[in-house]
Protein backbone atom coordinates (compact mmCIF):
# COMPACT_ATOMS: atom_id res chain seq x y z
CA UNK A 1 -2.85 -11.53 55.94
CA UNK A 2 -2.81 -10.74 59.65
CA UNK A 3 0.94 -11.28 60.01
CA UNK A 4 1.93 -7.62 60.00
CA UNK A 5 2.04 -5.96 63.38
CA UNK A 6 -0.35 -2.95 63.55
CA UNK A 7 1.42 0.41 63.72
CA UNK A 8 -0.42 1.44 66.88
CA UNK A 9 0.72 -1.56 68.98
CA UNK A 10 3.43 -0.65 71.48
CA UNK A 11 6.58 -2.73 71.99
CA UNK A 12 7.75 -5.73 69.99
CA UNK A 13 5.88 -8.97 69.37
CA UNK A 14 8.98 -10.88 68.24
CA UNK A 15 9.70 -12.53 71.64
CA UNK A 16 6.10 -13.77 71.97
CA UNK A 17 6.12 -15.08 68.39
CA UNK A 18 9.40 -16.96 68.87
CA UNK A 19 8.23 -18.45 72.17
CA UNK A 20 4.89 -19.43 70.63
CA UNK A 21 6.52 -21.12 67.64
CA UNK A 22 8.94 -23.08 69.83
CA UNK A 23 6.19 -24.31 72.16
CA UNK A 24 4.09 -25.25 69.11
CA UNK A 25 6.63 -27.94 68.28
CA UNK A 26 5.03 -30.00 71.04
CA UNK A 27 2.70 -31.09 68.25
CA UNK A 28 5.61 -33.02 66.71
CA UNK A 29 5.28 -35.58 69.53
CA UNK A 30 1.73 -36.55 68.58
CA UNK A 31 2.25 -36.24 64.83
CA UNK A 32 5.38 -38.37 64.79
CA UNK A 33 3.89 -41.07 67.02
CA UNK A 34 0.77 -41.27 64.86
CA UNK A 35 2.83 -41.41 61.66
CA UNK A 36 5.22 -44.08 62.88
CA UNK A 37 2.50 -46.51 63.94
CA UNK A 38 0.81 -45.99 60.56
CA UNK A 39 3.86 -47.37 58.76
CA UNK A 40 5.07 -49.81 61.41
CA UNK A 41 1.81 -51.79 61.25
CA UNK A 42 2.53 -52.52 57.56
CA UNK A 43 6.19 -53.56 58.13
CA UNK A 44 6.97 -57.23 57.54
CA UNK A 45 9.43 -57.43 60.44
CA UNK A 46 6.87 -56.00 62.87
CA UNK A 47 4.20 -58.49 61.80
CA UNK A 48 6.62 -61.40 62.15
CA UNK A 49 7.77 -60.33 65.62
CA UNK A 50 4.40 -59.45 67.19
CA UNK A 51 1.90 -61.69 65.40
CA UNK A 52 0.08 -64.38 67.36
CA UNK A 53 -0.29 -66.86 64.47
CA UNK A 54 -3.07 -64.96 62.70
CA UNK A 55 -3.24 -65.47 58.89
CA UNK A 56 -4.89 -63.29 56.28
CA UNK A 57 -6.91 -64.71 53.34
CA UNK A 58 -3.63 -65.22 51.41
CA UNK A 59 -2.26 -67.32 54.32
CA UNK A 60 0.36 -64.69 55.23
CA UNK A 61 1.30 -64.00 58.85
CA UNK A 62 -0.19 -60.69 59.95
CA UNK A 63 -1.82 -58.89 62.87
CA UNK A 64 -5.47 -59.57 63.62
CA UNK A 65 -7.89 -56.61 63.50
CA UNK A 66 -8.30 -56.89 67.27
CA UNK A 67 -4.54 -56.63 67.90
CA UNK A 68 -4.15 -53.74 65.46
CA UNK A 69 -7.07 -51.88 67.09
CA UNK A 70 -5.61 -52.37 70.56
CA UNK A 71 -2.11 -51.20 69.61
CA UNK A 72 -3.30 -48.07 67.82
CA UNK A 73 -6.16 -47.14 70.14
CA UNK A 74 -4.18 -47.42 73.40
CA UNK A 75 -2.41 -44.15 72.60
CA UNK A 76 -5.81 -42.46 72.24
CA UNK A 77 -7.07 -44.03 75.46
CA UNK A 78 -4.07 -42.56 77.27
CA UNK A 79 -4.62 -39.15 75.72
CA UNK A 80 -8.15 -38.95 77.15
CA UNK A 81 -6.74 -39.38 80.65
CA UNK A 82 -3.86 -37.01 79.92
CA UNK A 83 -6.21 -34.29 78.65
CA UNK A 84 -8.32 -34.50 81.82
CA UNK A 85 -5.18 -34.34 84.01
CA UNK A 86 -3.94 -31.24 82.17
CA UNK A 87 -6.33 -28.86 83.97
CA UNK A 88 -5.42 -29.66 87.59
CA UNK A 89 -1.72 -29.92 86.71
CA UNK A 90 -1.71 -26.72 84.66
CA UNK A 91 -3.61 -24.75 87.31
CA UNK A 92 -1.53 -26.06 90.21
CA UNK A 93 2.02 -26.08 88.82
CA UNK A 94 1.68 -23.65 85.93
CA UNK A 95 1.43 -24.19 82.19
CA UNK A 96 5.21 -24.45 81.71
CA UNK A 97 6.12 -26.92 84.46
CA UNK A 98 3.08 -29.08 83.67
CA UNK A 99 4.28 -29.23 80.05
CA UNK A 100 7.74 -30.37 81.15
CA UNK A 101 6.20 -33.08 83.33
CA UNK A 102 3.98 -34.27 80.48
CA UNK A 103 6.98 -34.59 78.17
CA UNK A 104 8.72 -36.69 80.84
CA UNK A 105 5.73 -39.07 80.94
CA UNK A 106 5.79 -39.29 77.13
CA UNK A 107 9.47 -40.27 77.20
CA UNK A 108 8.76 -43.11 79.65
CA UNK A 109 6.06 -44.43 77.31
CA UNK A 110 8.37 -44.16 74.28
CA UNK A 111 11.09 -46.15 76.08
CA UNK A 112 8.59 -48.89 76.92
CA UNK A 113 7.60 -49.11 73.24
CA UNK A 114 11.21 -49.40 72.08
CA UNK A 115 11.94 -52.16 74.61
CA UNK A 116 8.69 -54.09 73.98
CA UNK A 117 8.97 -57.78 73.15
CA UNK A 118 5.24 -58.52 73.08
CA UNK A 119 1.94 -56.81 72.33
CA UNK A 120 1.13 -56.31 76.02
CA UNK A 121 4.26 -54.24 76.74
CA UNK A 122 3.83 -52.31 73.50
CA UNK A 123 0.26 -51.34 74.35
CA UNK A 124 1.23 -50.27 77.88
CA UNK A 125 3.97 -48.09 76.44
CA UNK A 126 1.55 -46.50 73.99
CA UNK A 127 -0.93 -45.87 76.78
CA UNK A 128 1.70 -44.13 78.95
CA UNK A 129 2.93 -42.08 75.99
CA UNK A 130 -0.69 -41.16 75.31
CA UNK A 131 -1.04 -39.61 78.78
CA UNK A 132 1.85 -37.30 77.96
CA UNK A 133 0.51 -36.47 74.49
CA UNK A 134 -2.97 -35.72 75.87
CA UNK A 135 -1.61 -33.30 78.46
CA UNK A 136 0.60 -31.58 75.88
CA UNK A 137 -2.36 -31.22 73.49
CA UNK A 138 -4.20 -29.11 76.08
CA UNK A 139 -1.31 -27.09 77.49
CA UNK A 140 0.43 -26.06 74.24
CA UNK A 141 -2.56 -24.14 72.75
CA UNK A 142 -3.38 -22.86 76.25
CA UNK A 143 0.15 -21.52 76.73
CA UNK A 144 0.20 -19.98 73.25
CA UNK A 145 -3.16 -18.21 73.54
CA UNK A 146 -2.39 -16.78 76.99
CA UNK A 147 0.90 -15.14 76.00
CA UNK A 148 0.32 -14.16 72.34
CA UNK A 149 -0.68 -10.66 71.11
CA UNK A 150 -4.22 -10.65 69.74
CA UNK A 151 -3.21 -9.73 66.17
CA UNK A 152 -1.16 -12.91 65.70
CA UNK A 153 -2.74 -15.25 68.28
CA UNK A 154 -4.61 -17.39 65.76
CA UNK A 155 -1.56 -17.84 63.56
CA UNK A 156 0.60 -18.97 66.50
CA UNK A 157 -1.94 -21.55 67.66
CA UNK A 158 -2.25 -22.77 64.05
CA UNK A 159 1.47 -23.46 64.20
CA UNK A 160 0.67 -26.26 66.68
CA UNK A 161 -1.22 -28.10 63.94
CA UNK A 162 1.62 -27.37 61.51
CA UNK A 163 3.96 -29.12 63.93
CA UNK A 164 1.64 -32.14 64.05
CA UNK A 165 1.73 -32.37 60.26
CA UNK A 166 5.51 -31.93 60.27
CA UNK A 167 5.78 -34.83 62.74
CA UNK A 168 3.61 -36.97 60.46
CA UNK A 169 5.82 -36.10 57.48
CA UNK A 170 9.05 -36.94 59.32
CA UNK A 171 7.55 -40.26 60.41
CA UNK A 172 6.60 -41.15 56.83
CA UNK A 173 10.17 -40.45 55.67
CA UNK A 174 11.69 -42.47 58.52
CA UNK A 175 9.36 -45.40 57.85
CA UNK A 176 10.42 -45.52 54.19
CA UNK A 177 14.09 -45.46 55.19
CA UNK A 178 13.79 -48.26 57.76
CA UNK A 179 11.07 -50.57 56.35
CA UNK A 180 13.58 -52.72 54.44
CA UNK A 181 15.91 -53.28 57.43
CA UNK A 182 15.97 -56.87 58.63
CA UNK A 183 14.99 -57.53 62.21
CA UNK A 184 13.59 -55.41 65.02
CA UNK A 185 15.62 -52.32 64.07
CA UNK A 186 13.11 -51.62 61.27
CA UNK A 187 10.46 -50.51 63.77
CA UNK A 188 12.56 -49.73 66.87
CA UNK A 189 14.52 -46.95 65.18
CA UNK A 190 11.34 -44.99 64.30
CA UNK A 191 10.00 -45.54 67.81
CA UNK A 192 13.21 -44.40 69.49
CA UNK A 193 13.74 -41.23 67.45
CA UNK A 194 10.68 -39.58 69.01
CA UNK A 195 12.51 -39.29 72.33
CA UNK A 196 15.15 -36.94 70.87
CA UNK A 197 12.83 -34.00 70.16
CA UNK A 198 10.97 -34.53 73.44
CA UNK A 199 14.23 -33.94 75.34
CA UNK A 200 15.05 -30.80 73.31
CA UNK A 201 11.56 -29.39 73.92
CA UNK A 202 11.73 -30.05 77.67
CA UNK A 203 15.13 -28.34 77.96
CA UNK A 204 13.90 -25.31 76.02
CA UNK A 205 10.85 -24.91 78.24
CA UNK A 206 13.10 -24.48 81.28
CA UNK A 207 14.16 -21.07 79.94
CA UNK A 208 10.76 -19.76 78.80
CA UNK A 209 8.52 -17.48 80.90
CA UNK A 210 5.25 -18.56 82.50
CA UNK A 211 2.16 -16.97 80.93
CA UNK A 212 1.17 -13.61 82.51
CA UNK A 213 -2.51 -14.59 82.63
CA UNK A 214 -1.76 -17.70 84.69
CA UNK A 215 0.36 -15.62 87.09
CA UNK A 216 -2.49 -13.09 87.47
CA UNK A 217 -4.87 -15.99 88.16
CA UNK A 218 -2.54 -17.14 90.97
CA UNK A 219 -2.16 -13.60 92.35
CA UNK A 220 1.52 -13.13 91.39
CA UNK A 221 1.24 -9.61 89.98
CA UNK A 222 4.95 -8.74 89.99
CA UNK A 223 5.88 -12.01 88.26
CA UNK A 224 3.11 -11.41 85.71
CA UNK A 225 4.51 -7.96 84.96
CA UNK A 226 8.01 -9.39 84.45
CA UNK A 227 6.68 -12.13 82.19
CA UNK A 228 4.69 -9.67 80.08
CA UNK A 229 7.72 -7.38 79.91
CA UNK A 230 9.81 -10.21 78.41
CA UNK A 231 7.08 -11.14 75.92
CA UNK A 232 6.30 -7.58 74.75
CA UNK A 233 9.88 -6.25 75.04
CA UNK A 234 8.63 -3.27 77.03
CA UNK A 235 9.89 -1.78 80.27
CA UNK A 236 7.90 -2.91 83.28
CA UNK A 237 6.85 0.73 83.87
CA UNK A 238 5.68 1.36 80.28
CA UNK A 239 2.08 2.68 80.19
CA UNK A 240 0.99 0.17 77.53
CA UNK A 241 2.27 -2.78 79.58
CA UNK A 242 0.70 -1.43 82.78
CA UNK A 243 -2.62 -0.95 80.97
CA UNK A 244 -2.65 -4.44 79.45
CA UNK A 245 -1.81 -6.05 82.78
CA UNK A 246 -4.47 -4.01 84.58
CA UNK A 247 -7.10 -5.06 82.01
CA UNK A 248 -6.18 -8.76 82.41
CA UNK A 249 -6.43 -8.44 86.19
CA UNK A 250 -9.72 -6.52 86.07
CA UNK A 251 -11.22 -9.05 83.67
CA UNK A 252 -10.28 -11.93 85.96
CA UNK A 253 -11.83 -10.16 88.95
CA UNK A 254 -14.98 -9.53 86.90
CA UNK A 255 -15.13 -13.23 85.93
CA UNK A 256 -14.76 -14.32 89.55
CA UNK A 257 -17.53 -11.90 90.56
CA UNK A 258 -19.90 -13.82 88.25
CA UNK A 259 -19.20 -17.15 89.96
CA UNK A 260 -16.52 -19.55 91.15
CA UNK A 261 -14.14 -21.61 88.99
CA UNK A 262 -15.26 -25.14 89.88
CA UNK A 263 -15.99 -27.93 87.39
CA UNK A 264 -19.70 -27.28 87.98
CA UNK A 265 -19.24 -23.70 86.73
CA UNK A 266 -17.63 -25.03 83.56
CA UNK A 267 -21.07 -26.42 82.63
CA UNK A 268 -23.50 -23.88 84.13
CA UNK A 269 -21.44 -20.74 84.90
CA UNK A 270 -21.67 -17.27 83.42
CA UNK A 271 -21.24 -15.74 80.93
CA UNK A 272 -22.62 -18.66 78.87
CA UNK A 273 -19.91 -21.13 79.92
CA UNK A 274 -22.09 -24.13 79.08
CA UNK A 275 -22.60 -22.88 75.51
CA UNK A 276 -18.87 -22.30 75.15
CA UNK A 277 -18.07 -25.80 76.39
CA UNK A 278 -20.59 -27.29 73.96
CA UNK A 279 -18.94 -25.32 71.14
CA UNK A 280 -15.48 -26.56 72.08
CA UNK A 281 -16.50 -30.21 72.54
CA UNK A 282 -18.55 -30.16 69.33
CA UNK A 283 -15.66 -28.79 67.28
CA UNK A 284 -13.16 -31.26 68.72
CA UNK A 285 -15.43 -34.26 68.12
CA UNK A 286 -16.34 -33.16 64.60
CA UNK A 287 -12.64 -32.71 63.80
CA UNK A 288 -12.23 -36.45 64.44
CA UNK A 289 -15.46 -37.37 62.65
CA UNK A 290 -14.23 -35.77 59.43
CA UNK A 291 -12.21 -39.00 59.14
CA UNK A 292 -8.72 -37.52 59.10
CA UNK A 293 -7.23 -40.02 61.53
CA UNK A 294 -8.63 -42.86 59.47
CA UNK A 295 -6.03 -41.74 56.90
CA UNK A 296 -3.32 -40.86 59.45
CA UNK A 297 -3.54 -44.10 61.46
CA UNK A 298 -4.47 -46.60 58.77
CA UNK A 299 -3.66 -44.91 55.45
CA UNK A 300 -0.79 -47.25 54.57
CA UNK A 301 -2.77 -50.35 55.55
CA UNK A 302 -5.90 -49.12 53.72
CA UNK A 303 -4.02 -48.29 50.51
CA UNK A 304 -2.34 -51.69 50.71
CA UNK A 305 -5.76 -53.35 51.04
CA UNK A 306 -6.95 -51.37 48.02
CA UNK A 307 -4.17 -53.03 45.97
CA UNK A 308 -2.18 -49.81 45.50
CA UNK A 309 1.33 -50.83 44.45
CA UNK A 310 3.43 -48.71 46.86
CA UNK A 311 1.32 -47.65 49.86
CA UNK A 312 4.36 -46.23 51.72
CA UNK A 313 5.06 -43.80 48.87
CA UNK A 314 1.40 -42.76 48.63
CA UNK A 315 1.36 -42.14 52.40
CA UNK A 316 4.48 -39.96 52.07
CA UNK A 317 2.80 -37.90 49.33
CA UNK A 318 -0.30 -37.47 51.50
CA UNK A 319 1.85 -36.28 54.42
CA UNK A 320 3.69 -33.76 52.23
CA UNK A 321 0.32 -32.38 51.11
CA UNK A 322 -0.88 -32.35 54.73
CA UNK A 323 2.14 -30.38 55.91
CA UNK A 324 2.28 -27.85 53.06
CA UNK A 325 -1.49 -27.29 53.05
CA UNK A 326 -1.43 -26.10 56.65
CA UNK A 327 0.39 -22.94 55.52
CA UNK A 328 -2.64 -21.37 53.73
CA UNK A 329 -4.57 -21.73 56.98
CA UNK A 330 -1.87 -19.81 58.85
CA UNK A 331 -1.96 -17.09 56.21
CA UNK A 332 -5.71 -16.42 56.23
CA UNK A 333 -6.88 -17.41 59.73
CA UNK A 334 -6.81 -13.74 60.85
CA UNK A 335 -8.07 -12.08 57.64
CA UNK A 336 -10.78 -14.64 56.76
CA UNK A 337 -11.70 -15.32 60.35
CA UNK A 338 -12.35 -18.61 62.13
CA UNK A 339 -15.97 -19.14 61.02
CA UNK A 340 -15.46 -18.68 57.28
CA UNK A 341 -12.37 -20.89 57.17
CA UNK A 342 -14.13 -23.71 59.03
CA UNK A 343 -17.22 -23.58 56.80
CA UNK A 344 -15.23 -23.50 53.53
CA UNK A 345 -13.07 -26.38 54.75
CA UNK A 346 -16.05 -28.53 55.72
CA UNK A 347 -17.71 -27.96 52.32
CA UNK A 348 -14.54 -28.99 50.48
CA UNK A 349 -14.04 -32.12 52.62
CA UNK A 350 -17.66 -33.21 52.22
CA UNK A 351 -17.52 -32.97 48.41
CA UNK A 352 -14.29 -35.00 48.19
CA UNK A 353 -15.44 -37.77 50.53
CA UNK A 354 -18.87 -38.18 48.98
CA UNK A 355 -17.31 -38.38 45.50
CA UNK A 356 -14.90 -41.13 46.64
CA UNK A 357 -17.66 -43.14 48.29
CA UNK A 358 -20.11 -42.65 45.40
CA UNK A 359 -17.66 -43.83 42.74
CA UNK A 360 -16.56 -46.81 44.85
CA UNK A 361 -20.19 -47.85 45.30
CA UNK A 362 -21.10 -47.34 41.63
CA UNK A 363 -18.07 -49.21 40.26
CA UNK A 364 -18.40 -52.05 42.78
CA UNK A 365 -14.78 -53.14 42.33
CA UNK A 366 -14.74 -52.89 38.52
CA UNK A 367 -11.96 -50.97 36.78
CA UNK A 368 -9.71 -51.04 39.84
CA UNK A 369 -6.89 -48.81 38.44
CA UNK A 370 -9.29 -45.92 37.77
CA UNK A 371 -10.93 -46.36 41.17
CA UNK A 372 -7.53 -46.19 42.89
CA UNK A 373 -6.58 -43.06 40.96
CA UNK A 374 -9.81 -41.36 42.04
CA UNK A 375 -9.24 -42.52 45.62
CA UNK A 376 -5.72 -41.05 45.76
CA UNK A 377 -6.60 -37.77 44.00
CA UNK A 378 -9.63 -36.95 46.14
CA UNK A 379 -8.00 -38.09 49.39
CA UNK A 380 -5.21 -35.64 48.57
CA UNK A 381 -7.70 -32.80 47.92
CA UNK A 382 -9.59 -33.72 51.09
CA UNK A 383 -6.35 -33.54 53.10
CA UNK A 384 -5.69 -30.08 51.62
CA UNK A 385 -9.05 -28.76 52.86
CA UNK A 386 -8.63 -30.36 56.29
CA UNK A 387 -5.06 -29.15 56.80
CA UNK A 388 -5.95 -25.57 55.82
CA UNK A 389 -9.06 -25.34 58.00
CA UNK A 390 -10.27 -27.90 60.53
CA UNK A 391 -6.80 -29.12 61.40
CA UNK A 392 -5.45 -25.85 62.86
CA UNK A 393 -8.53 -23.68 63.41
CA UNK A 394 -10.27 -26.03 65.87
CA UNK A 395 -7.29 -25.68 68.22
CA UNK A 396 -7.42 -21.90 67.78
CA UNK A 397 -11.11 -21.56 68.67
CA UNK A 398 -10.98 -23.89 71.68
CA UNK A 399 -7.97 -22.03 73.10
CA UNK A 400 -9.74 -18.66 72.83
CA UNK A 401 -13.40 -18.97 73.80
CA UNK A 402 -13.07 -19.80 77.52
CA UNK A 403 -12.58 -17.22 80.31
CA UNK A 404 -9.37 -17.31 82.33
CA UNK A 405 -10.92 -18.70 85.51
CA UNK A 406 -12.01 -21.98 83.83
CA UNK A 407 -9.83 -21.94 80.70
CA UNK A 408 -7.68 -24.94 81.67
CA UNK A 409 -10.66 -27.00 82.87
CA UNK A 410 -12.79 -26.25 79.81
CA UNK A 411 -9.94 -26.90 77.40
CA UNK A 412 -9.14 -30.22 79.09
CA UNK A 413 -12.76 -31.40 78.76
CA UNK A 414 -13.10 -30.32 75.12
CA UNK A 415 -9.73 -31.85 74.20
CA UNK A 416 -10.64 -35.05 76.04
CA UNK A 417 -13.74 -35.28 73.83
CA UNK A 418 -11.43 -35.10 70.80
CA UNK A 419 -9.31 -37.96 72.11
CA UNK A 420 -12.36 -39.99 73.08
CA UNK A 421 -13.58 -39.91 69.46
CA UNK A 422 -10.00 -40.50 68.33
CA UNK A 423 -9.96 -43.69 70.45
CA UNK A 424 -13.32 -44.86 69.09
CA UNK A 425 -12.24 -44.31 65.47
CA UNK A 426 -8.82 -45.87 66.00
CA UNK A 427 -10.37 -48.98 67.55
CA UNK A 428 -13.32 -49.35 65.16
CA UNK A 429 -11.63 -48.64 61.83
CA UNK A 430 -10.00 -52.08 61.29
CA UNK A 431 -13.40 -53.70 61.75
CA UNK A 432 -15.07 -51.16 59.42
CA UNK A 433 -12.73 -51.42 56.43
CA UNK A 434 -10.80 -54.71 56.78
CA UNK A 435 -10.75 -56.18 53.29
CA UNK A 436 -8.28 -59.04 53.72
CA UNK A 437 -9.38 -60.72 56.91
CA UNK A 438 -8.94 -64.45 56.93
CA UNK A 439 -11.41 -64.73 59.81
CA UNK A 440 -14.92 -63.82 58.72
CA UNK A 441 -16.06 -64.04 62.34
CA UNK A 442 -13.72 -61.22 63.37
CA UNK A 443 -16.58 -58.72 63.24
CA UNK A 444 -15.46 -56.82 60.12
CA UNK A 445 -18.19 -55.11 58.09
CA UNK A 446 -15.90 -54.56 55.09
CA UNK A 447 -17.10 -51.10 54.05
CA UNK A 448 -13.91 -50.40 52.13
CA UNK A 449 -14.01 -46.99 50.42
CA UNK A 450 -17.73 -46.69 51.27
CA UNK A 451 -16.62 -45.61 54.75
CA UNK A 452 -16.21 -42.14 53.21
CA UNK A 453 -20.01 -41.83 53.19
CA UNK A 454 -19.79 -41.75 56.99
CA UNK A 455 -17.09 -39.07 57.10
CA UNK A 456 -18.82 -36.99 54.40
CA UNK A 457 -22.10 -36.97 56.32
CA UNK A 458 -20.36 -35.65 59.43
CA UNK A 459 -18.73 -32.89 57.36
CA UNK A 460 -22.22 -31.71 56.40
CA UNK A 461 -23.18 -31.71 60.09
CA UNK A 462 -20.02 -29.68 60.77
CA UNK A 463 -21.13 -26.91 58.39
CA UNK A 464 -24.40 -26.41 60.28
CA UNK A 465 -22.65 -26.61 63.67
CA UNK A 466 -20.15 -23.89 62.82
CA UNK A 467 -22.87 -21.59 61.47
CA UNK A 468 -25.00 -21.93 64.60
CA UNK A 469 -22.42 -22.23 67.39
CA UNK A 470 -18.99 -20.80 66.55
CA UNK A 471 -18.43 -17.11 67.37
CA UNK A 472 -15.88 -15.09 65.39
CA UNK A 473 -12.95 -14.49 67.75
CA UNK A 474 -10.32 -12.99 65.43
CA UNK A 475 -8.86 -9.51 66.02
CA UNK A 476 -10.12 -9.17 69.61
CA UNK A 477 -8.37 -9.88 72.91
CA UNK A 478 -9.20 -12.86 75.10
CA UNK A 479 -10.82 -10.49 77.59
CA UNK A 480 -13.04 -8.93 74.88
CA UNK A 481 -14.34 -12.40 73.95
CA UNK A 482 -16.13 -12.42 77.32
CA UNK A 483 -17.87 -9.19 76.37
CA UNK A 484 -18.88 -10.65 72.99
CA UNK A 485 -20.56 -13.68 74.57
CA UNK A 486 -22.54 -11.36 76.87
CA UNK A 487 -23.65 -8.92 74.17
CA UNK A 488 -24.10 -11.07 71.01
CA UNK A 489 -27.03 -13.51 71.08
CA UNK A 490 -26.31 -15.53 67.92
CA UNK A 491 -23.03 -16.79 66.50
CA UNK A 492 -23.87 -15.63 62.95
CA UNK A 493 -24.00 -12.02 64.22
CA UNK A 494 -20.58 -12.17 65.88
CA UNK A 495 -18.63 -10.78 62.90
CA UNK A 496 -20.34 -7.42 63.46
CA UNK A 497 -19.23 -7.24 67.11
CA UNK A 498 -17.24 -4.17 68.19
CA UNK A 499 -15.77 -4.29 71.72
CA UNK A 500 -16.56 -1.25 73.90
CA UNK A 501 -16.18 -2.36 77.52
CA UNK A 502 -13.23 -1.70 79.79
CA UNK A 503 -13.17 -4.27 82.56
CA UNK A 504 -11.26 -1.83 84.74
CA UNK A 505 -14.20 0.59 84.47
CA UNK A 506 -16.68 -2.22 85.12
CA UNK A 507 -14.79 -3.18 88.25
CA UNK A 508 -14.39 0.38 89.51
CA UNK A 509 -17.58 2.15 88.36
CA UNK A 510 -20.05 -0.35 86.90
CA UNK A 511 -21.58 -0.40 83.41
CA UNK A 512 -25.12 -0.70 82.15
CA UNK A 513 -26.25 -3.94 80.50
CA UNK A 514 -25.81 -2.38 77.07
CA UNK A 515 -22.14 -1.73 77.73
CA UNK A 516 -22.59 2.10 77.73
CA UNK A 517 -20.28 3.79 80.27
CA UNK A 518 -21.93 5.80 83.05
CA UNK A 519 -22.26 9.55 82.56
CA UNK A 520 -19.62 12.00 83.76
CA UNK A 521 -21.60 13.13 86.86
CA UNK A 522 -21.81 9.48 87.97
CA UNK A 523 -18.07 9.06 87.55
CA UNK A 524 -17.49 12.17 89.68
CA UNK A 525 -19.49 10.74 92.58
CA UNK A 526 -16.71 8.50 93.78
CA UNK A 527 -14.05 11.14 94.53
CA UNK A 528 -16.68 13.46 96.05
CA UNK A 529 -17.74 10.70 98.48
CA UNK A 530 -14.13 10.17 99.44
CA UNK A 531 -13.71 13.92 99.97
CA UNK A 532 -16.81 14.28 102.19
CA UNK A 533 -15.85 11.21 104.20
CA UNK A 534 -12.42 12.60 104.97
CA UNK A 535 -13.91 16.06 105.77
CA UNK A 536 -16.21 14.58 108.40
CA UNK A 537 -13.22 13.22 110.35
CA UNK A 538 -12.20 16.55 111.98
CA UNK A 539 -11.09 20.09 111.21
CA UNK A 540 -7.58 18.77 110.70
CA UNK A 541 -9.02 16.10 108.41
CA UNK A 542 -10.60 18.85 106.31
CA UNK A 543 -7.23 20.42 105.53
CA UNK A 544 -5.81 16.95 104.79
CA UNK A 545 -8.72 16.33 102.41
CA UNK A 546 -7.90 19.53 100.56
CA UNK A 547 -4.29 18.47 100.17
CA UNK A 548 -5.37 15.01 98.99
CA UNK A 549 -7.74 16.50 96.43
CA UNK A 550 -4.98 18.76 95.12
CA UNK A 551 -2.57 15.81 94.84
CA UNK A 552 -5.22 13.71 93.07
CA UNK A 553 -5.87 16.51 90.59
CA UNK A 554 -2.14 16.83 89.90
CA UNK A 555 -1.89 13.07 89.42
CA UNK A 556 -4.82 13.08 87.03
CA UNK A 557 -3.21 15.93 85.09
CA UNK A 558 0.04 13.97 84.76
CA UNK A 559 -1.89 10.87 83.59
CA UNK A 560 -3.75 12.96 81.01
CA UNK A 561 -0.46 14.34 79.65
CA UNK A 562 1.05 10.84 79.46
CA UNK A 563 -1.96 9.42 77.61
CA UNK A 564 -1.99 12.39 75.25
CA UNK A 565 1.63 11.65 74.36
CA UNK A 566 0.74 8.04 73.55
CA UNK A 567 -1.60 9.22 70.79
CA UNK A 568 -3.51 6.35 69.22
CA UNK A 569 -1.40 3.54 70.71
CA UNK A 570 -3.45 0.35 71.10
CA UNK A 571 -3.14 -0.64 74.77
CA UNK A 572 -4.84 -4.04 74.39
CA UNK A 573 -3.19 -7.11 72.90
């Protein structure tokens, strides 16, 4: 399953796993906020307090499609800005302190929402909260991938998506408990509760270590060694820890030798940074275009419009399925690999959505009870496939494929593309599926369940995209992913990749293009040059050179004995 630590890995992975799981709970912030607005929009007290006199076709007071779009989409608009701010903040202040600051911004936005008396204040609050959520959505997977051992890295990043689904589930429960309360408390209680976990998360982050890869990037080698020592539960002088840290440092120096770390290099840098960015942005956009947030944002409203008797209860069932179905993804993301899980998930989603849309079109509103049963059943199956594949694995891939020098910048751009599509879908959906508008000039196209044709078509596109663009990144270190992009021409050949480079050797000796180490005579040239240079100093220098050579030989002998004692210990994480 990929959860068992390999026998040849030194130290303990428990600290890194616990840290990764705690940081993953940052996903609760987004999941809970999304889930609360889903239910709040359908609450009678909310409609009465915030409506502007708009009536539906049954002459009931409600929110206009334009107001609903604005309230929901403002969070997504804020997240685009927050995702773009994550890179400069994360590179300047560190992943940990930037996360704490983002949570503070989220809390300000949540307070504004709780205190809102009109739509304008509510939308501002959602926009501010969105900035915090967008920054968190970049920095949590970034933090996890940079500190996790390679054998469990994918599972830990998947836990971020599990936290999002858990937040959605909690929100659905809270909405059911508060929907019948008279007055503003019905929607203000759900809005206010999100602040509680944000404060707990921020306090916990104060005691966690910064990621060793970020500290190496900033040149803080001693701090990086201490951080890695805490995460691996190894002494700072342990050979395995020294080797892993040296490989991270050598890889970063190799990356910088290929070019700088500006935003221009994100698009045109080497090795193949433009292709990697296209992969990340494509995955993030297609995750939104599978239609999941159509259900998460507007599921209750949509089910209500489809004349389902208890839309709140159906939404709760969907969220339970969403949360539980994420677990299979965590179990197989390492053994199946990223590519296979994404392709299987996209096939399953496409079948479900096309079946829903086809039956809705064929029945044309006849036999409504059967149509609703089919809608609920296949939406549930669709959510299972999404939650087990595209939900978590997209975050895994986009946190792995970028080199350290531009990782924060590339992740911020790819995540911003996710939120940009999220904003477009959140704003457009009420106009696409509104079935009870009293204003026929509101711009609604009234697709109803036929909107699933759109999402199903994009799932088919997703299958082809994954086959052509997504490299298999499981079971190799972040540094070895650089080697894979240099040596493997096509994504569909990436499963056969076997890493062979040592970036320390590349930095010190140089490798051929094929990745074959230089021959032994070539490796012996370097000490002989040093010896002849010191001999040419003077006669006294000659005796010093002899002593140096003897000391070097003794040192090499000690190193050889130490490595022999380690046996087959895996020195890369």
